[in-house]
Amino acid sequence: MRWLGGVGVLLVLVSAAPAADEPGPTAVVERLNAALLGVLKQADSLGYAGRVTRLTPAVSEAYDVPFMAEKSLGQRWATLSPAQREHWVDLSRQFSVANYAANFDRDSGQRIELLGEEPASNDTAIVRTRINDPSGDPIEMTYRLHRTDAGWRIIDVYLKGTVSELALRRADYTSVLERQGFDALCTTMQTRIADLATERGKQSGR
């Protein structure tokens, strides 16, 4: 099983008071983990396309994809038209789902351990997890969440506990955007999504 970099950096908060029954940050991450492990157990029978179908709603419910899509382009977001912004949000969601579908492709008895939750800057929260894989070394994954009108949502993932996935994406995307323009960036993203599907399809014999 291979783990790819696949997600936002902190800054915008919603100040609405939480509902009494609103899932907290840890519960949001637990729900995502349950969906991931459920797909993992059926990875072979589902195939890549089936994993995409199962994971799309899970990613949409766990992540604040529009927020991350905006932050991944930095100041360049302001230069996009409403249609371009909508298209970029959709591509960002597809790419995040494709990363999960491509990497959660083989059940080798993986477990996801919750290590704890703590408050963080700008009214965000940190939830720390560890992926224990009998076939490899444990992987630390830390989630940052903020509260939206729909509840707590993930806005960044720190691989190995320190490397911001959103910061890496922003550096990559803005470089392409500045050099080649928005259409070229979208083409690059579509190619990466297609490559994830093709690579996993070949490896699984589909």
C-alpha atoms as a PDB file:
ATOM      1  CA  MET A   1       0.000   0.000   0.000  1.00  0.00           C
ATOM      2  CA  ARG A   2       1.460   3.358  -1.010  1.00  0.00           C
ATOM      3  CA  TRP A   3       0.625   6.648   0.670  1.00  0.00           C
ATOM      4  CA  LEU A   4       0.650   9.807  -1.397  1.00  0.00           C
ATOM      5  CA  GLY A   5       0.564  13.416  -0.455  1.00  0.00           C
ATOM      6  CA  GLY A   6      -2.807  14.261  -1.187  1.00  0.00           C
ATOM      7  CA  VAL A   7      -4.560  18.230   1.495  1.00  0.00           C
ATOM      8  CA  GLY A   8      -5.601  23.663   4.361  1.00  0.00           C
ATOM      9  CA  VAL A   9      -3.829  26.040   6.034  1.00  0.00           C
ATOM     10  CA  LEU A  10      -5.539  27.902   8.877  1.00  0.00           C
ATOM     11  CA  LEU A  11      -6.891  31.400   8.722  1.00  0.00           C
ATOM     12  CA  VAL A  12     -10.674  31.700   8.334  1.00  0.00           C
ATOM     13  CA  LEU A  13     -13.063  30.742  11.119  1.00  0.00           C
ATOM     14  CA  VAL A  14     -16.791  30.666  11.584  1.00  0.00           C
ATOM     15  CA  SER A  15     -17.814  32.020  14.954  1.00  0.00           C
ATOM     16  CA  ALA A  16     -21.240  30.401  15.190  1.00  0.00           C
ATOM     17  CA  ALA A  17     -21.814  28.544  18.447  1.00  0.00           C
ATOM     18  CA  PRO A  18     -21.801  24.746  18.094  1.00  0.00           C
ATOM     19  CA  ALA A  19     -25.068  22.879  18.177  1.00  0.00           C
ATOM     20  CA  ALA A  20     -25.523  20.567  21.143  1.00  0.00           C
ATOM     21  CA  ASP A  21     -25.402  17.477  18.923  1.00  0.00           C
ATOM     22  CA  GLU A  22     -22.724  18.750  16.526  1.00  0.00           C
ATOM     23  CA  PRO A  23     -19.919  16.208  16.048  1.00  0.00           C
ATOM     24  CA  GLY A  24     -16.647  17.539  17.424  1.00  0.00           C
ATOM     25  CA  PRO A  25     -13.315  17.472  15.586  1.00  0.00           C
ATOM     26  CA  THR A  26     -12.394  13.990  16.800  1.00  0.00           C
ATOM     27  CA  ALA A  27     -15.785  12.607  15.766  1.00  0.00           C
ATOM     28  CA  VAL A  28     -15.353  14.045  12.252  1.00  0.00           C
ATOM     29  CA  VAL A  29     -11.969  12.349  11.891  1.00  0.00           C
ATOM     30  CA  GLU A  30     -13.319   9.109  13.370  1.00  0.00           C
ATOM     31  CA  ARG A  31     -16.124   9.087  10.805  1.00  0.00           C
ATOM     32  CA  LEU A  32     -13.649   9.631   7.964  1.00  0.00           C
ATOM     33  CA  ASN A  33     -11.389   6.868   9.295  1.00  0.00           C
ATOM     34  CA  ALA A  34     -14.312   4.469   9.516  1.00  0.00           C
ATOM     35  CA  ALA A  35     -15.205   5.169   5.888  1.00  0.00           C
ATOM     36  CA  LEU A  36     -11.596   4.695   4.777  1.00  0.00           C
ATOM     37  CA  LEU A  37     -11.182   1.403   6.621  1.00  0.00           C
ATOM     38  CA  GLY A  38     -14.555   0.188   5.349  1.00  0.00           C
ATOM     39  CA  VAL A  39     -13.465   0.829   1.769  1.00  0.00           C
ATOM     40  CA  LEU A  40     -10.081  -0.726   2.449  1.00  0.00           C
ATOM     41  CA  LYS A  41     -11.657  -4.002   3.534  1.00  0.00           C
ATOM     42  CA  GLN A  42     -13.470  -4.179   0.183  1.00  0.00           C
ATOM     43  CA  ALA A  43     -10.724  -2.602  -1.895  1.00  0.00           C
ATOM     44  CA  ASP A  44     -10.287  -5.475  -4.344  1.00  0.00           C
ATOM     45  CA  SER A  45     -13.970  -6.116  -4.969  1.00  0.00           C
ATOM     46  CA  LEU A  46     -14.764  -2.409  -5.324  1.00  0.00           C
ATOM     47  CA  GLY A  47     -11.897  -1.639  -7.694  1.00  0.00           C
ATOM     48  CA  TYR A  48     -10.657   1.897  -8.174  1.00  0.00           C
ATOM     49  CA  ALA A  49     -13.955   3.241  -9.578  1.00  0.00           C
ATOM     50  CA  GLY A  50     -15.944   1.691  -6.757  1.00  0.00           C
ATOM     51  CA  ARG A  51     -13.628   3.176  -4.173  1.00  0.00           C
ATOM     52  CA  VAL A  52     -14.067   6.610  -5.763  1.00  0.00           C
ATOM     53  CA  THR A  53     -17.845   6.244  -5.571  1.00  0.00           C
ATOM     54  CA  ARG A  54     -17.748   5.208  -1.917  1.00  0.00           C
ATOM     55  CA  LEU A  55     -15.212   7.816  -0.837  1.00  0.00           C
ATOM     56  CA  THR A  56     -16.605  10.905  -2.586  1.00  0.00           C
ATOM     57  CA  PRO A  57     -19.336  11.577   0.011  1.00  0.00           C
ATOM     58  CA  ALA A  58     -16.974  10.753   2.883  1.00  0.00           C
ATOM     59  CA  VAL A  59     -14.403  13.296   1.696  1.00  0.00           C
ATOM     60  CA  SER A  60     -17.090  15.920   1.009  1.00  0.00           C
ATOM     61  CA  GLU A  61     -18.488  15.504   4.525  1.00  0.00           C
ATOM     62  CA  ALA A  62     -15.120  15.515   6.301  1.00  0.00           C
ATOM     63  CA  TYR A  63     -13.251  18.262   4.419  1.00  0.00           C
ATOM     64  CA  ASP A  64     -13.968  21.928   3.780  1.00  0.00           C
ATOM     65  CA  VAL A  65     -13.026  21.467   0.137  1.00  0.00           C
ATOM     66  CA  PRO A  66     -14.046  24.970  -1.052  1.00  0.00           C
ATOM     67  CA  PHE A  67     -11.899  26.569   1.656  1.00  0.00           C
ATOM     68  CA  MET A  68      -8.892  24.432   0.777  1.00  0.00           C
ATOM     69  CA  ALA A  69      -9.373  24.982  -2.948  1.00  0.00           C
ATOM     70  CA  GLU A  70      -9.254  28.727  -2.389  1.00  0.00           C
ATOM     71  CA  LYS A  71      -6.235  28.635  -0.063  1.00  0.00           C
ATOM     72  CA  SER A  72      -4.347  26.324  -2.422  1.00  0.00           C
ATOM     73  CA  LEU A  73      -4.217  29.148  -4.984  1.00  0.00           C
ATOM     74  CA  GLY A  74      -3.307  31.914  -2.554  1.00  0.00           C
ATOM     75  CA  GLN A  75      -3.807  35.436  -3.878  1.00  0.00           C
ATOM     76  CA  ARG A  76      -4.408  34.058  -7.382  1.00  0.00           C
ATOM     77  CA  TRP A  77      -7.880  32.945  -6.280  1.00  0.00           C
ATOM     78  CA  ALA A  78      -9.061  36.559  -6.502  1.00  0.00           C
ATOM     79  CA  THR A  79      -8.268  36.636 -10.228  1.00  0.00           C
ATOM     80  CA  LEU A  80     -10.608  33.731 -11.086  1.00  0.00           C
ATOM     81  CA  SER A  81     -14.152  34.092 -12.371  1.00  0.00           C
ATOM     82  CA  PRO A  82     -17.022  32.425 -10.465  1.00  0.00           C
ATOM     83  CA  ALA A  83     -17.124  29.634 -13.078  1.00  0.00           C
ATOM     84  CA  GLN A  84     -13.392  29.069 -12.767  1.00  0.00           C
ATOM     85  CA  ARG A  85     -13.636  28.936  -8.990  1.00  0.00           C
ATOM     86  CA  GLU A  86     -16.426  26.378  -9.151  1.00  0.00           C
ATOM     87  CA  HIS A  87     -14.412  24.262 -11.596  1.00  0.00           C
ATOM     88  CA  TRP A  88     -11.327  24.410  -9.387  1.00  0.00           C
ATOM     89  CA  VAL A  89     -13.283  23.347  -6.302  1.00  0.00           C
ATOM     90  CA  ASP A  90     -14.649  20.366  -8.241  1.00  0.00           C
ATOM     91  CA  LEU A  91     -11.183  19.364  -9.459  1.00  0.00           C
ATOM     92  CA  SER A  92      -9.786  19.720  -5.950  1.00  0.00           C
ATOM     93  CA  ARG A  93     -12.468  17.382  -4.607  1.00  0.00           C
ATOM     94  CA  GLN A  94     -11.822  14.868  -7.380  1.00  0.00           C
ATOM     95  CA  PHE A  95      -8.097  14.903  -6.707  1.00  0.00           C
ATOM     96  CA  SER A  96      -8.500  14.379  -2.958  1.00  0.00           C
ATOM     97  CA  VAL A  97     -10.854  11.460  -3.546  1.00  0.00           C
ATOM     98  CA  ALA A  98      -8.546   9.997  -6.215  1.00  0.00           C
ATOM     99  CA  ASN A  99      -5.620  10.083  -3.787  1.00  0.00           C
ATOM    100  CA  TYR A 100      -7.575   8.120  -1.201  1.00  0.00           C
ATOM    101  CA  ALA A 101      -9.003   5.692  -3.765  1.00  0.00           C
ATOM    102  CA  ALA A 102      -5.549   5.036  -5.218  1.00  0.00           C
ATOM    103  CA  ASN A 103      -3.805   4.542  -1.903  1.00  0.00           C
ATOM    104  CA  PHE A 104      -6.444   2.629   0.055  1.00  0.00           C
ATOM    105  CA  ASP A 105      -6.160  -0.189  -2.438  1.00  0.00           C
ATOM    106  CA  ARG A 106      -4.942  -3.168  -0.443  1.00  0.00           C
ATOM    107  CA  ASP A 107      -6.039  -4.527   2.926  1.00  0.00           C
ATOM    108  CA  SER A 108      -3.048  -5.674   4.936  1.00  0.00           C
ATOM    109  CA  GLY A 109      -4.626  -5.311   8.348  1.00  0.00           C
ATOM    110  CA  GLN A 110      -4.124  -1.564   8.715  1.00  0.00           C
ATOM    111  CA  ARG A 111      -5.501   0.186  11.774  1.00  0.00           C
ATOM    112  CA  ILE A 112      -5.930   3.908  12.407  1.00  0.00           C
ATOM    113  CA  GLU A 113      -5.200   4.954  15.964  1.00  0.00           C
ATOM    114  CA  LEU A 114      -6.500   8.212  17.441  1.00  0.00           C
ATOM    115  CA  LEU A 115      -3.798   9.914  19.498  1.00  0.00           C
ATOM    116  CA  GLY A 116      -5.749  12.890  20.811  1.00  0.00           C
ATOM    117  CA  GLU A 117      -7.317  16.276  20.150  1.00  0.00           C
ATOM    118  CA  GLU A 118      -6.083  19.710  21.175  1.00  0.00           C
ATOM    119  CA  PRO A 119      -7.056  23.339  20.544  1.00  0.00           C
ATOM    120  CA  ALA A 120      -4.920  25.278  18.061  1.00  0.00           C
ATOM    121  CA  SER A 121      -4.461  28.819  16.782  1.00  0.00           C
ATOM    122  CA  ASN A 122      -7.298  30.855  15.284  1.00  0.00           C
ATOM    123  CA  ASP A 123      -9.963  28.680  16.935  1.00  0.00           C
ATOM    124  CA  THR A 124      -8.945  25.619  14.970  1.00  0.00           C
ATOM    125  CA  ALA A 125      -8.463  22.151  16.438  1.00  0.00           C
ATOM    126  CA  ILE A 126      -5.797  19.509  15.901  1.00  0.00           C
ATOM    127  CA  VAL A 127      -6.590  15.794  15.818  1.00  0.00           C
ATOM    128  CA  ARG A 128      -3.592  13.465  15.772  1.00  0.00           C
ATOM    129  CA  THR A 129      -3.751   9.959  14.326  1.00  0.00           C
ATOM    130  CA  ARG A 130      -1.374   7.132  13.496  1.00  0.00           C
ATOM    131  CA  ILE A 131      -1.819   4.613  10.694  1.00  0.00           C
ATOM    132  CA  ASN A 132      -0.464   1.269  11.843  1.00  0.00           C
ATOM    133  CA  ASP A 133       0.338  -0.997   8.909  1.00  0.00           C
ATOM    134  CA  PRO A 134       1.700  -4.499   9.623  1.00  0.00           C
ATOM    135  CA  SER A 135       3.498  -4.374   6.272  1.00  0.00           C
ATOM    136  CA  GLY A 136       5.319  -1.076   6.919  1.00  0.00           C
ATOM    137  CA  ASP A 137       6.246   1.631   9.382  1.00  0.00           C
ATOM    138  CA  PRO A 138       3.542   3.591  11.231  1.00  0.00           C
ATOM    139  CA  ILE A 139       2.514   6.853   9.581  1.00  0.00           C
ATOM    140  CA  GLU A 140       1.647   9.929  11.632  1.00  0.00           C
ATOM    141  CA  MET A 141      -1.215  11.990  10.174  1.00  0.00           C
ATOM    142  CA  THR A 142      -2.391  15.151  11.906  1.00  0.00           C
ATOM    143  CA  TYR A 143      -5.608  16.906  10.895  1.00  0.00           C
ATOM    144  CA  ARG A 144      -6.432  20.579  11.404  1.00  0.00           C
ATOM    145  CA  LEU A 145     -10.126  21.452  11.503  1.00  0.00           C
ATOM    146  CA  HIS A 146     -12.217  24.611  11.739  1.00  0.00           C
ATOM    147  CA  ARG A 147     -15.914  25.133  12.321  1.00  0.00           C
ATOM    148  CA  THR A 148     -18.179  25.941   9.382  1.00  0.00           C
ATOM    149  CA  ASP A 149     -21.927  26.462   9.119  1.00  0.00           C
ATOM    150  CA  ALA A 150     -22.146  22.705   8.520  1.00  0.00           C
ATOM    151  CA  GLY A 151     -19.975  21.818  11.524  1.00  0.00           C
ATOM    152  CA  TRP A 152     -16.309  20.973  11.999  1.00  0.00           C
ATOM    153  CA  ARG A 153     -14.401  20.270   8.792  1.00  0.00           C
ATOM    154  CA  ILE A 154     -10.790  19.349   7.981  1.00  0.00           C
ATOM    155  CA  ILE A 155      -8.758  22.157   6.398  1.00  0.00           C
ATOM    156  CA  ASP A 156      -5.269  20.644   6.366  1.00  0.00           C
ATOM    157  CA  VAL A 157      -3.405  17.387   6.808  1.00  0.00           C
ATOM    158  CA  TYR A 158       0.120  17.275   8.190  1.00  0.00           C
ATOM    159  CA  LEU A 159       1.990  14.225   6.964  1.00  0.00           C
ATOM    160  CA  LYS A 160       4.472  12.874   9.511  1.00  0.00           C
ATOM    161  CA  GLY A 161       2.943  15.421  11.860  1.00  0.00           C
ATOM    162  CA  THR A 162       4.699  18.451  10.394  1.00  0.00           C
ATOM    163  CA  VAL A 163       4.436  18.694   6.584  1.00  0.00           C
ATOM    164  CA  SER A 164       1.386  20.730   5.556  1.00  0.00           C
ATOM    165  CA  GLU A 165      -0.265  19.118   2.565  1.00  0.00           C
ATOM    166  CA  LEU A 166      -2.059  22.332   1.657  1.00  0.00           C
ATOM    167  CA  ALA A 167       1.158  24.346   1.762  1.00  0.00           C
ATOM    168  CA  LEU A 168       2.798  21.846  -0.598  1.00  0.00           C
ATOM    169  CA  ARG A 169      -0.135  22.036  -2.979  1.00  0.00           C
ATOM    170  CA  ARG A 170      -0.187  25.811  -2.901  1.00  0.00           C
ATOM    171  CA  ALA A 171       3.498  26.023  -3.838  1.00  0.00           C
ATOM    172  CA  ASP A 172       2.947  23.559  -6.678  1.00  0.00           C
ATOM    173  CA  TYR A 173      -0.300  25.018  -8.029  1.00  0.00           C
ATOM    174  CA  THR A 174       0.639  28.684  -7.890  1.00  0.00           C
ATOM    175  CA  SER A 175       3.871  27.917  -9.733  1.00  0.00           C
ATOM    176  CA  VAL A 176       1.940  26.348 -12.626  1.00  0.00           C
ATOM    177  CA  LEU A 177      -0.695  29.082 -12.518  1.00  0.00           C
ATOM    178  CA  GLU A 178       1.874  31.870 -12.718  1.00  0.00           C
ATOM    179  CA  ARG A 179       3.890  30.264 -15.496  1.00  0.00           C
ATOM    180  CA  GLN A 180       1.157  28.749 -17.671  1.00  0.00           C
ATOM    181  CA  GLY A 181      -2.236  30.064 -16.590  1.00  0.00           C
ATOM    182  CA  PHE A 182      -5.441  28.616 -15.168  1.00  0.00           C
ATOM    183  CA  ASP A 183      -6.355  26.366 -18.100  1.00  0.00           C
ATOM    184  CA  ALA A 184      -2.942  24.710 -17.961  1.00  0.00           C
ATOM    185  CA  LEU A 185      -3.290  24.194 -14.210  1.00  0.00           C
ATOM    186  CA  CYS A 186      -6.654  22.493 -14.709  1.00  0.00           C
ATOM    187  CA  THR A 187      -5.176  20.260 -17.422  1.00  0.00           C
ATOM    188  CA  THR A 188      -2.322  19.331 -15.077  1.00  0.00           C
ATOM    189  CA  MET A 189      -4.779  18.437 -12.340  1.00  0.00           C
ATOM    190  CA  GLN A 190      -6.932  16.355 -14.678  1.00  0.00           C
ATOM    191  CA  THR A 191      -3.830  14.487 -15.822  1.00  0.00           C
ATOM    192  CA  ARG A 192      -2.837  13.718 -12.254  1.00  0.00           C
ATOM    193  CA  ILE A 193      -6.312  12.395 -11.471  1.00  0.00           C
ATOM    194  CA  ALA A 194      -6.241  10.207 -14.596  1.00  0.00           C
ATOM    195  CA  ASP A 195      -2.752   8.955 -13.712  1.00  0.00           C
ATOM    196  CA  LEU A 196      -3.929   7.846 -10.268  1.00  0.00           C
ATOM    197  CA  ALA A 197      -6.778   5.879 -11.832  1.00  0.00           C
ATOM    198  CA  THR A 198      -4.618   4.345 -14.563  1.00  0.00           C
ATOM    199  CA  GLU A 199      -1.758   3.386 -12.267  1.00  0.00           C
ATOM    200  CA  ARG A 200      -4.020   1.676  -9.762  1.00  0.00           C
ATOM    201  CA  GLY A 201      -6.028  -0.020 -12.495  1.00  0.00           C
ATOM    202  CA  LYS A 202      -2.880  -1.537 -13.961  1.00  0.00           C
ATOM    203  CA  GLN A 203      -1.576  -2.668 -10.583  1.00  0.00           C
ATOM    204  CA  SER A 204      -4.826  -4.383  -9.693  1.00  0.00           C
ATOM    205  CA  GLY A 205      -5.251  -5.959 -13.091  1.00  0.00           C
ATOM    206  CA  ARG A 206      -8.319  -3.890 -14.003  1.00  0.00           C
END
